[in-house]
């Protein structure tokens, strides 16, 4: 019987594992949430299984958690990273060395830190000592336990892995299996042990890098505020929590609409055993003078509170970086107002990007030391607000240039800043559509009269 996490996981991990599961399910979307059943949507009192499935089916799960992560990730990756590296490290940044190519790797790190507040990277030794080290990432929910020394350096870490085991006789049958990897120091040297679900050691080795062992653990854990093993609060936790609450309210609202949305015919005075058909070609003959027929329709405000609750929760999510569902955003909104909307969320995003940059720097520093090459320089984009000028401001800018109030360098700087021109262009004299002072002077000269 596999051991339970409570028996060997870190207390900080156990305290947040439920939140990790909710965050991942919210990010994965409606199917993951609904597959979890009563974890997020409890049955109503006395509800039969069939009714519960209909109740769950009608509920709307709006994917705002994943949309928010995608929006913030888009802000952070509008510009390419500034990279400087040794020629021997080129395969990490331009090719695939058996793990992540840099672009894929750094976007993965950004996504996980924005969503979960944590990601780990193990610099793994290749099978052959001469090959380049391999980067392997571990999501927050797979960093199970750890220990650090008083100075904060890592003593050991326990990581959960899923491997695919082929069937002994069925060619195409593959079974996923959980195992654990313990990375720590034995006799002062980096050692790796593989353990099964019962935490029994199945293999042990001392990895070699360029034919030599190392005296530290090549594992980098990046959080929201830097590189450390402590568990940081996930940035998306509040949004995901309201996302689930919105899902619950949606379920109740749609269930209520299901029952009251269709009018119910009521016949007063008719025998209950009489079969009556509804339709424009059918006539009813009521039995006595006091008989009556009408439709029973829902006219009250009973569902109004649920509808209002949905809007309130959308507003709460919008206030916490979920702008994509904020119905108050209008296309005619002033550019500066839109810019101010992003100030608070991008300020927090800048901290997350700085943290990921530190994690990337630490990771590639270890790789460089293992390979005996110069440590690369990695700079991620932190300028998220694209202050695109409105047409009126742009027109005034050109008027100022044409009238000599500003020089060409000032014009070009502002056009690059607002991304009307490619910021990477260096030869400004070759910019299309930008006139030289001589050309402007020629345009201002009065036209020479032509003989008739």
Protein backbone atom coordinates (compact mmCIF):
# COMPACT_ATOMS: atom_id res chain seq x y z
CA UNK A 1 0.00 0.00 0.00
CA UNK A 2 1.59 3.34 -1.06
CA UNK A 3 2.39 5.68 1.78
CA UNK A 4 0.14 8.69 2.31
CA UNK A 5 1.59 12.18 1.83
CA UNK A 6 0.82 13.05 5.45
CA UNK A 7 3.46 10.51 6.44
CA UNK A 8 6.41 12.10 4.65
CA UNK A 9 5.52 15.51 3.12
CA UNK A 10 6.78 18.85 4.44
CA UNK A 11 4.34 20.66 6.80
CA UNK A 12 4.32 23.71 4.52
CA UNK A 13 3.39 21.49 1.59
CA UNK A 14 0.58 19.79 3.49
CA UNK A 15 -0.81 23.19 4.51
CA UNK A 16 -1.16 24.35 0.91
CA UNK A 17 -1.72 21.18 -1.13
CA UNK A 18 -5.51 21.74 -1.36
CA UNK A 19 -4.95 25.25 -2.72
CA UNK A 20 -2.42 23.87 -5.23
CA UNK A 21 -5.02 21.38 -6.45
CA UNK A 22 -7.69 24.08 -6.79
CA UNK A 23 -5.34 26.41 -8.67
CA UNK A 24 -4.31 23.71 -11.12
CA UNK A 25 -7.91 22.64 -11.74
CA UNK A 26 -9.06 26.24 -12.24
CA UNK A 27 -6.22 26.79 -14.69
CA UNK A 28 -7.05 23.60 -16.59
CA UNK A 29 -10.65 24.74 -16.97
CA UNK A 30 -14.22 23.48 -16.95
CA UNK A 31 -13.54 19.78 -17.55
CA UNK A 32 -11.08 19.51 -14.67
CA UNK A 33 -13.48 21.35 -12.33
CA UNK A 34 -16.51 19.27 -13.30
CA UNK A 35 -14.56 15.99 -13.27
CA UNK A 36 -13.73 16.78 -9.62
CA UNK A 37 -17.47 16.60 -8.87
CA UNK A 38 -18.38 17.34 -5.26
CA UNK A 39 -14.92 18.68 -4.44
CA UNK A 40 -16.05 22.02 -5.85
CA UNK A 41 -19.83 21.56 -6.30
CA UNK A 42 -21.53 19.70 -3.41
CA UNK A 43 -24.84 17.95 -4.01
CA UNK A 44 -27.99 19.71 -2.94
CA UNK A 45 -29.86 18.12 -0.04
CA UNK A 46 -31.73 15.01 -1.22
CA UNK A 47 -30.44 15.33 -4.76
CA UNK A 48 -30.39 12.08 -6.75
CA UNK A 49 -27.27 11.15 -8.78
CA UNK A 50 -29.01 11.86 -12.10
CA UNK A 51 -30.24 15.24 -10.91
CA UNK A 52 -26.76 16.08 -9.63
CA UNK A 53 -25.24 15.35 -13.04
CA UNK A 54 -27.79 17.70 -14.66
CA UNK A 55 -27.11 20.28 -11.94
CA UNK A 56 -23.37 20.10 -12.65
CA UNK A 57 -23.86 20.06 -16.44
CA UNK A 58 -25.84 23.30 -16.45
CA UNK A 59 -23.33 25.15 -14.27
CA UNK A 60 -20.96 27.55 -16.04
CA UNK A 61 -17.31 27.57 -15.11
CA UNK A 62 -15.80 30.72 -16.56
CA UNK A 63 -12.05 30.20 -17.27
CA UNK A 64 -10.97 33.50 -15.77
CA UNK A 65 -8.00 32.02 -13.85
CA UNK A 66 -6.31 30.78 -17.01
CA UNK A 67 -7.25 33.96 -18.89
CA UNK A 68 -5.69 36.14 -16.19
CA UNK A 69 -2.50 34.09 -16.19
CA UNK A 70 -2.39 34.31 -19.98
CA UNK A 71 -2.90 38.08 -19.90
CA UNK A 72 -0.14 38.69 -17.36
CA UNK A 73 2.14 36.29 -19.23
CA UNK A 74 1.42 38.26 -22.40
CA UNK A 75 2.41 41.50 -20.66
CA UNK A 76 5.67 39.96 -19.48
CA UNK A 77 6.67 38.54 -22.87
CA UNK A 78 5.85 41.46 -25.18
CA UNK A 79 9.59 41.95 -25.67
CA UNK A 80 12.28 39.32 -26.07
CA UNK A 81 14.75 38.75 -23.22
CA UNK A 82 18.17 40.39 -23.41
CA UNK A 83 20.61 37.47 -23.61
CA UNK A 84 24.41 37.36 -23.64
CA UNK A 85 26.06 33.94 -23.40
CA UNK A 86 29.20 31.95 -24.12
CA UNK A 87 29.34 30.13 -27.45
CA UNK A 88 29.38 26.77 -25.64
CA UNK A 89 26.00 27.60 -24.11
CA UNK A 90 24.43 28.37 -27.49
CA UNK A 91 22.52 25.03 -27.67
CA UNK A 92 20.55 26.04 -24.55
CA UNK A 93 19.39 29.28 -26.15
CA UNK A 94 18.99 28.33 -29.82
CA UNK A 95 18.54 24.54 -29.96
CA UNK A 96 17.13 21.68 -27.94
CA UNK A 97 19.63 19.89 -25.71
CA UNK A 98 17.24 17.19 -24.54
CA UNK A 99 15.34 19.44 -22.13
CA UNK A 100 13.83 22.91 -22.44
CA UNK A 101 14.92 25.33 -25.10
CA UNK A 102 15.31 28.71 -23.37
CA UNK A 103 12.13 30.40 -24.64
CA UNK A 104 9.96 27.45 -23.64
CA UNK A 105 11.75 27.16 -20.32
CA UNK A 106 11.49 30.78 -19.22
CA UNK A 107 7.81 31.03 -20.26
CA UNK A 108 7.10 27.86 -18.28
CA UNK A 109 8.80 29.40 -15.24
CA UNK A 110 6.86 32.66 -15.59
CA UNK A 111 3.55 30.84 -15.96
CA UNK A 112 4.09 28.67 -12.90
CA UNK A 113 5.26 31.50 -10.67
CA UNK A 114 2.27 33.65 -11.73
CA UNK A 115 -0.16 30.76 -11.16
CA UNK A 116 1.28 28.70 -8.31
CA UNK A 117 3.92 30.99 -6.83
CA UNK A 118 6.60 28.32 -7.17
CA UNK A 119 8.57 26.15 -9.62
CA UNK A 120 11.65 23.96 -9.23
CA UNK A 121 14.41 23.17 -11.72
CA UNK A 122 16.76 20.23 -11.34
CA UNK A 123 19.98 20.35 -13.33
CA UNK A 124 20.29 16.71 -14.19
CA UNK A 125 23.43 14.87 -15.19
CA UNK A 126 23.25 13.20 -18.61
CA UNK A 127 23.84 9.49 -18.93
CA UNK A 128 27.24 10.22 -20.44
CA UNK A 129 29.46 12.51 -18.41
CA UNK A 130 30.62 14.45 -21.48
CA UNK A 131 27.18 15.66 -22.61
CA UNK A 132 25.56 18.93 -21.57
CA UNK A 133 23.54 19.07 -18.32
CA UNK A 134 19.77 18.73 -18.71
CA UNK A 135 17.15 21.04 -17.17
CA UNK A 136 14.11 19.30 -15.67
CA UNK A 137 11.27 21.35 -14.16
CA UNK A 138 9.04 20.31 -11.25
CA UNK A 139 5.69 21.97 -10.64
CA UNK A 140 4.91 23.24 -7.14
CA UNK A 141 2.68 20.27 -6.29
CA UNK A 142 5.57 17.85 -7.01
CA UNK A 143 8.11 19.43 -4.64
CA UNK A 144 7.09 17.25 -1.71
CA UNK A 145 9.66 17.74 1.06
CA UNK A 146 12.98 19.44 1.71
CA UNK A 147 15.51 20.48 4.31
CA UNK A 148 17.83 23.49 4.39
CA UNK A 149 20.89 24.42 6.40
CA UNK A 150 20.96 27.45 8.70
CA UNK A 151 22.35 29.62 5.88
CA UNK A 152 19.41 28.70 3.63
CA UNK A 153 21.32 26.38 1.30
CA UNK A 154 19.63 23.13 0.38
CA UNK A 155 20.41 19.98 2.38
CA UNK A 156 18.06 17.66 0.46
CA UNK A 157 14.83 17.71 -1.54
CA UNK A 158 12.22 15.02 -2.32
CA UNK A 159 10.52 15.28 -5.73
CA UNK A 160 7.53 13.37 -7.07
CA UNK A 161 7.65 12.01 -10.63
CA UNK A 162 5.29 10.11 -12.91
CA UNK A 163 6.81 7.53 -15.22
CA UNK A 164 5.13 5.51 -17.97
CA UNK A 165 5.61 1.76 -17.59
CA UNK A 166 4.98 -0.46 -20.67
CA UNK A 167 2.90 -3.59 -20.19
CA UNK A 168 4.81 -6.87 -20.11
CA UNK A 169 2.80 -8.45 -22.94
CA UNK A 170 0.41 -5.77 -24.34
CA UNK A 171 2.42 -3.80 -26.87
CA UNK A 172 0.43 -0.56 -26.74
CA UNK A 173 -0.64 -0.56 -23.10
CA UNK A 174 1.21 1.93 -20.91
CA UNK A 175 0.55 2.50 -17.22
CA UNK A 176 1.49 5.71 -15.35
CA UNK A 177 3.36 5.06 -12.12
CA UNK A 178 4.43 7.36 -9.29
CA UNK A 179 8.00 7.36 -8.03
CA UNK A 180 10.13 9.77 -6.00
CA UNK A 181 13.58 11.25 -6.47
CA UNK A 182 15.64 12.19 -3.43
CA UNK A 183 18.46 14.64 -4.11
CA UNK A 184 20.86 15.29 -1.25
CA UNK A 185 24.40 15.15 0.05
CA UNK A 186 26.08 11.91 1.08
CA UNK A 187 29.61 12.27 2.42
CA UNK A 188 29.64 15.81 1.08
CA UNK A 189 28.85 14.73 -2.50
CA UNK A 190 25.66 15.19 -4.51
CA UNK A 191 23.70 11.92 -4.52
CA UNK A 192 20.43 10.90 -6.19
CA UNK A 193 18.18 8.10 -4.96
CA UNK A 194 15.10 6.78 -6.77
CA UNK A 195 12.29 5.52 -4.52
CA UNK A 196 9.04 3.69 -5.23
CA UNK A 197 5.58 4.60 -3.89
CA UNK A 198 6.46 2.98 -0.56
CA UNK A 199 9.62 5.13 -0.38
CA UNK A 200 11.81 2.07 -0.79
CA UNK A 201 15.10 2.86 -2.56
CA UNK A 202 15.28 1.26 -6.00
CA UNK A 203 18.53 2.88 -7.17
CA UNK A 204 21.24 5.23 -5.97
CA UNK A 205 23.99 7.09 -7.82
CA UNK A 206 26.48 9.94 -7.59
CA UNK A 207 26.01 12.02 -10.76
CA UNK A 208 29.10 13.19 -12.58
CA UNK A 209 29.41 16.46 -14.48
CA UNK A 210 32.35 16.49 -16.90
CA UNK A 211 33.59 13.37 -15.13
CA UNK A 212 33.53 14.91 -11.65
CA UNK A 213 31.03 14.87 -8.76
CA UNK A 214 29.82 18.13 -7.19
CA UNK A 215 29.43 19.16 -3.55
CA UNK A 216 26.09 20.95 -3.81
CA UNK A 217 22.54 20.11 -4.88
CA UNK A 218 21.82 21.50 -8.39
CA UNK A 219 18.19 22.30 -7.65
CA UNK A 220 16.75 25.82 -7.97
CA UNK A 221 13.36 26.67 -6.43
CA UNK A 222 11.95 29.98 -7.65
CA UNK A 223 9.18 31.66 -5.66
CA UNK A 224 7.37 34.97 -5.93
CA UNK A 225 10.10 36.93 -4.16
CA UNK A 226 13.28 35.12 -5.16
CA UNK A 227 15.12 31.81 -5.02
CA UNK A 228 14.33 29.93 -1.81
CA UNK A 229 12.62 26.79 -0.51
CA UNK A 230 9.92 28.53 1.53
CA UNK A 231 6.37 28.26 0.19
CA UNK A 232 5.08 31.60 -1.07
CA UNK A 233 1.41 32.50 -1.33
CA UNK A 234 0.25 31.84 -4.92
CA UNK A 235 -0.58 35.11 -6.77
CA UNK A 236 -3.71 33.61 -8.36
CA UNK A 237 -5.16 32.16 -5.15
CA UNK A 238 -7.75 34.90 -4.56
CA UNK A 239 -8.91 34.87 -8.17
CA UNK A 240 -9.23 31.06 -8.17
CA UNK A 241 -11.19 31.15 -4.90
CA UNK A 242 -13.73 33.62 -6.33
CA UNK A 243 -13.72 31.63 -9.58
CA UNK A 244 -15.01 28.60 -7.65
CA UNK A 245 -17.57 30.73 -5.81
CA UNK A 246 -18.78 32.10 -9.15
CA UNK A 247 -19.13 28.49 -10.37
CA UNK A 248 -21.31 27.60 -7.35
CA UNK A 249 -23.56 30.60 -7.88
CA UNK A 250 -23.86 29.82 -11.57
CA UNK A 251 -24.94 26.26 -10.74
CA UNK A 252 -27.71 27.49 -8.43
CA UNK A 253 -28.87 30.12 -10.91
CA UNK A 254 -29.02 27.73 -13.88
CA UNK A 255 -30.76 25.08 -11.77
CA UNK A 256 -33.36 27.61 -10.70
CA UNK A 257 -33.85 28.82 -14.27
CA UNK A 258 -34.35 25.22 -15.36
CA UNK A 259 -37.32 24.80 -13.05
CA UNK A 260 -39.01 28.18 -13.46
CA UNK A 261 -38.07 29.09 -17.00
CA UNK A 262 -40.88 27.20 -18.77
CA UNK A 263 -44.53 28.11 -18.05
CA UNK A 264 -46.73 25.34 -16.60
CA UNK A 265 -50.36 24.92 -17.77
CA UNK A 266 -53.00 24.87 -14.97
CA UNK A 267 -56.59 23.70 -15.59
CA UNK A 268 -59.11 24.41 -12.82
CA UNK A 269 -62.24 22.22 -12.69
CA UNK A 270 -61.10 19.48 -15.11
CA UNK A 271 -60.86 15.84 -14.07
CA UNK A 272 -57.25 14.95 -13.25
CA UNK A 273 -57.55 11.83 -15.39
CA UNK A 274 -58.57 13.81 -18.49
CA UNK A 275 -55.85 13.86 -21.18
CA UNK A 276 -55.43 17.30 -22.70
CA UNK A 277 -53.18 18.30 -25.60
CA UNK A 278 -51.56 21.72 -25.92
CA UNK A 279 -51.46 23.39 -29.32
CA UNK A 280 -53.11 25.88 -31.64
CA UNK A 281 -55.19 23.16 -33.34
CA UNK A 282 -56.60 21.78 -30.08
CA UNK A 283 -59.77 23.05 -28.37
CA UNK A 284 -60.57 22.43 -24.70
CA UNK A 285 -64.15 22.14 -23.47
CA UNK A 286 -64.13 22.89 -19.76
CA UNK A 287 -66.70 20.94 -17.68
CA UNK A 288 -68.48 23.73 -15.73
CA UNK A 289 -68.94 27.43 -15.31
CA UNK A 290 -66.25 27.74 -12.60
CA UNK A 291 -63.57 26.07 -14.70
CA UNK A 292 -60.54 28.01 -15.90
CA UNK A 293 -57.27 27.45 -17.76
CA UNK A 294 -54.09 29.50 -17.53
CA UNK A 295 -50.30 29.30 -17.47
CA UNK A 296 -48.35 29.41 -14.24
CA UNK A 297 -45.30 31.59 -14.85
CA UNK A 298 -42.46 32.73 -12.64
CA UNK A 299 -42.84 36.47 -12.01
CA UNK A 300 -40.98 37.00 -8.74
CA UNK A 301 -37.49 38.26 -7.99
CA UNK A 302 -36.20 35.02 -6.46
CA UNK A 303 -33.41 34.59 -9.02
CA UNK A 304 -32.43 38.24 -9.00
CA UNK A 305 -30.17 37.81 -5.97
CA UNK A 306 -28.26 35.05 -7.74
CA UNK A 307 -27.86 37.16 -10.89
CA UNK A 308 -26.62 40.07 -8.78
CA UNK A 309 -24.21 37.77 -6.95
CA UNK A 310 -22.72 36.63 -10.27
CA UNK A 311 -22.09 40.24 -11.30
CA UNK A 312 -20.57 41.09 -7.92
CA UNK A 313 -18.15 38.17 -8.18
CA UNK A 314 -17.21 39.13 -11.72
CA UNK A 315 -16.43 42.60 -10.39
CA UNK A 316 -14.28 41.15 -7.60
CA UNK A 317 -12.32 39.06 -10.09
CA UNK A 318 -11.95 42.10 -12.34
CA UNK A 319 -10.48 44.09 -9.46
CA UNK A 320 -7.86 41.38 -8.98
CA UNK A 321 -6.34 41.38 -12.46
CA UNK A 322 -9.26 39.67 -14.19
CA UNK A 323 -9.90 42.60 -16.53
CA UNK A 324 -11.09 40.36 -19.35
CA UNK A 325 -14.50 39.88 -17.70
CA UNK A 326 -14.90 43.48 -16.53
CA UNK A 327 -17.93 44.66 -18.47
CA UNK A 328 -17.25 48.24 -17.41
CA UNK A 329 -14.33 48.52 -19.83
CA UNK A 330 -15.52 50.47 -22.86
CA UNK A 331 -13.86 50.86 -26.21
CA UNK A 332 -14.08 54.66 -25.90
CA UNK A 333 -12.21 54.72 -22.59
CA UNK A 334 -9.30 57.16 -22.53
CA UNK A 335 -5.85 55.68 -23.05
CA UNK A 336 -4.55 57.07 -19.75
CA UNK A 337 -7.50 55.53 -17.88
CA UNK A 338 -6.74 52.15 -19.43
CA UNK A 339 -3.09 52.61 -18.51
CA UNK A 340 -3.96 53.31 -14.87
CA UNK A 341 -6.03 50.10 -14.75
CA UNK A 342 -2.84 48.12 -15.22
CA UNK A 343 -0.58 49.96 -12.77
CA UNK A 344 -1.27 47.84 -9.68
CA UNK A 345 -1.27 44.48 -11.41
CA UNK A 346 1.87 45.19 -13.45
CA UNK A 347 3.67 46.43 -10.33
CA UNK A 348 3.10 42.98 -8.82
CA UNK A 349 3.99 41.35 -12.13
CA UNK A 350 7.30 43.19 -12.20
CA UNK A 351 8.20 41.58 -8.87
CA UNK A 352 7.33 38.12 -10.23
CA UNK A 353 9.38 38.68 -13.38
CA UNK A 354 12.34 39.87 -11.30
CA UNK A 355 12.08 36.73 -9.22
CA UNK A 356 12.00 34.50 -12.31
CA UNK A 357 14.99 36.37 -13.72
CA UNK A 358 16.88 35.61 -10.50
CA UNK A 359 15.90 31.94 -10.78
CA UNK A 360 17.04 31.73 -14.41
CA UNK A 361 20.31 33.42 -13.51
CA UNK A 362 20.94 30.96 -10.68
CA UNK A 363 20.09 27.97 -12.88
CA UNK A 364 22.35 28.95 -15.77
CA UNK A 365 25.12 29.94 -13.35
CA UNK A 366 25.13 26.35 -12.10
CA UNK A 367 25.13 25.04 -15.67
CA UNK A 368 28.03 27.36 -16.55
CA UNK A 369 30.04 26.26 -13.54
CA UNK A 370 29.48 22.62 -14.42
CA UNK A 371 30.67 23.26 -17.98
CA UNK A 372 33.51 25.59 -17.01
CA UNK A 373 32.30 28.54 -19.11
CA UNK A 374 31.41 32.19 -18.49
CA UNK A 375 28.09 32.78 -16.71
CA UNK A 376 25.47 34.20 -19.13
CA UNK A 377 23.61 37.48 -18.69
CA UNK A 378 19.81 37.16 -18.76
CA UNK A 379 17.53 40.20 -18.65
CA UNK A 380 13.75 39.78 -18.86
CA UNK A 381 11.34 42.48 -20.00
CA UNK A 382 9.89 44.58 -17.16
CA UNK A 383 8.38 47.36 -19.27
CA UNK A 384 4.82 46.06 -19.53
CA UNK A 385 2.82 49.22 -20.22
CA UNK A 386 2.72 50.05 -23.90
CA UNK A 387 1.68 53.70 -23.88
CA UNK A 388 0.33 53.87 -27.40
CA UNK A 389 -0.44 57.50 -28.28
CA UNK A 390 -3.88 58.55 -29.35
CA UNK A 391 -4.33 59.98 -32.84
CA UNK A 392 -4.60 63.57 -31.58
CA UNK A 393 -1.37 63.37 -29.58
CA UNK A 394 0.40 61.70 -32.48
CA UNK A 395 -0.74 64.51 -34.83
CA UNK A 396 0.51 67.18 -32.42
CA UNK A 397 3.84 65.38 -32.13
CA UNK A 398 4.35 65.52 -35.89
CA UNK A 399 3.19 69.13 -36.03
CA UNK A 400 5.79 70.01 -33.40
CA UNK A 401 8.45 68.29 -35.49
CA UNK A 402 7.39 69.94 -38.74
CA UNK A 403 7.36 73.36 -37.05
CA UNK A 404 10.80 72.87 -35.56
CA UNK A 405 9.64 72.68 -31.92
CA UNK A 406 11.25 69.26 -31.43
CA UNK A 407 14.14 67.61 -33.24
CA UNK A 408 14.17 64.33 -35.09
CA UNK A 409 15.69 62.38 -32.20
CA UNK A 410 12.82 63.42 -29.91
CA UNK A 411 10.25 62.43 -32.53
CA UNK A 412 11.83 59.04 -33.14
CA UNK A 413 12.22 58.37 -29.40
CA UNK A 414 8.50 58.95 -28.81
CA UNK A 415 7.50 56.83 -31.80
CA UNK A 416 9.69 53.98 -30.59
CA UNK A 417 8.44 54.35 -27.04
CA UNK A 418 4.83 53.97 -28.15
CA UNK A 419 5.84 51.18 -30.55
CA UNK A 420 4.74 52.93 -33.72
CA UNK A 421 8.30 52.23 -34.86
CA UNK A 422 10.41 49.15 -34.26
CA UNK A 423 12.40 49.90 -31.06
CA UNK A 424 15.34 47.83 -32.36
CA UNK A 425 16.01 50.06 -35.39
CA UNK A 426 19.30 51.89 -34.87
CA UNK A 427 19.87 53.77 -38.15
CA UNK A 428 17.23 56.44 -37.74
CA UNK A 429 18.12 58.07 -41.08
CA UNK A 430 16.73 55.01 -42.82
CA UNK A 431 13.34 55.19 -41.11
CA UNK A 432 10.54 55.33 -43.66
CA UNK A 433 8.24 58.32 -43.56
CA UNK A 434 10.51 60.53 -41.38
CA UNK A 435 11.58 63.61 -43.30
CA UNK A 436 14.96 65.27 -42.96
CA UNK A 437 15.17 68.96 -41.95
CA UNK A 438 16.11 69.82 -45.56
CA UNK A 439 13.01 68.04 -46.86
CA UNK A 440 10.82 69.87 -44.36
CA UNK A 441 12.35 73.22 -45.38
CA UNK A 442 11.67 72.39 -49.02
CA UNK A 443 8.04 71.64 -48.24
CA UNK A 444 7.64 75.01 -46.52
CA UNK A 445 8.95 77.03 -49.51
CA UNK A 446 6.23 78.65 -51.58
CA UNK A 447 5.60 76.95 -54.86
CA UNK A 448 7.24 78.56 -57.95
CA UNK A 449 4.57 79.88 -60.30
CA UNK A 450 4.46 77.99 -63.53
CA UNK A 451 4.04 79.84 -66.89
CA UNK A 452 0.65 79.40 -68.49
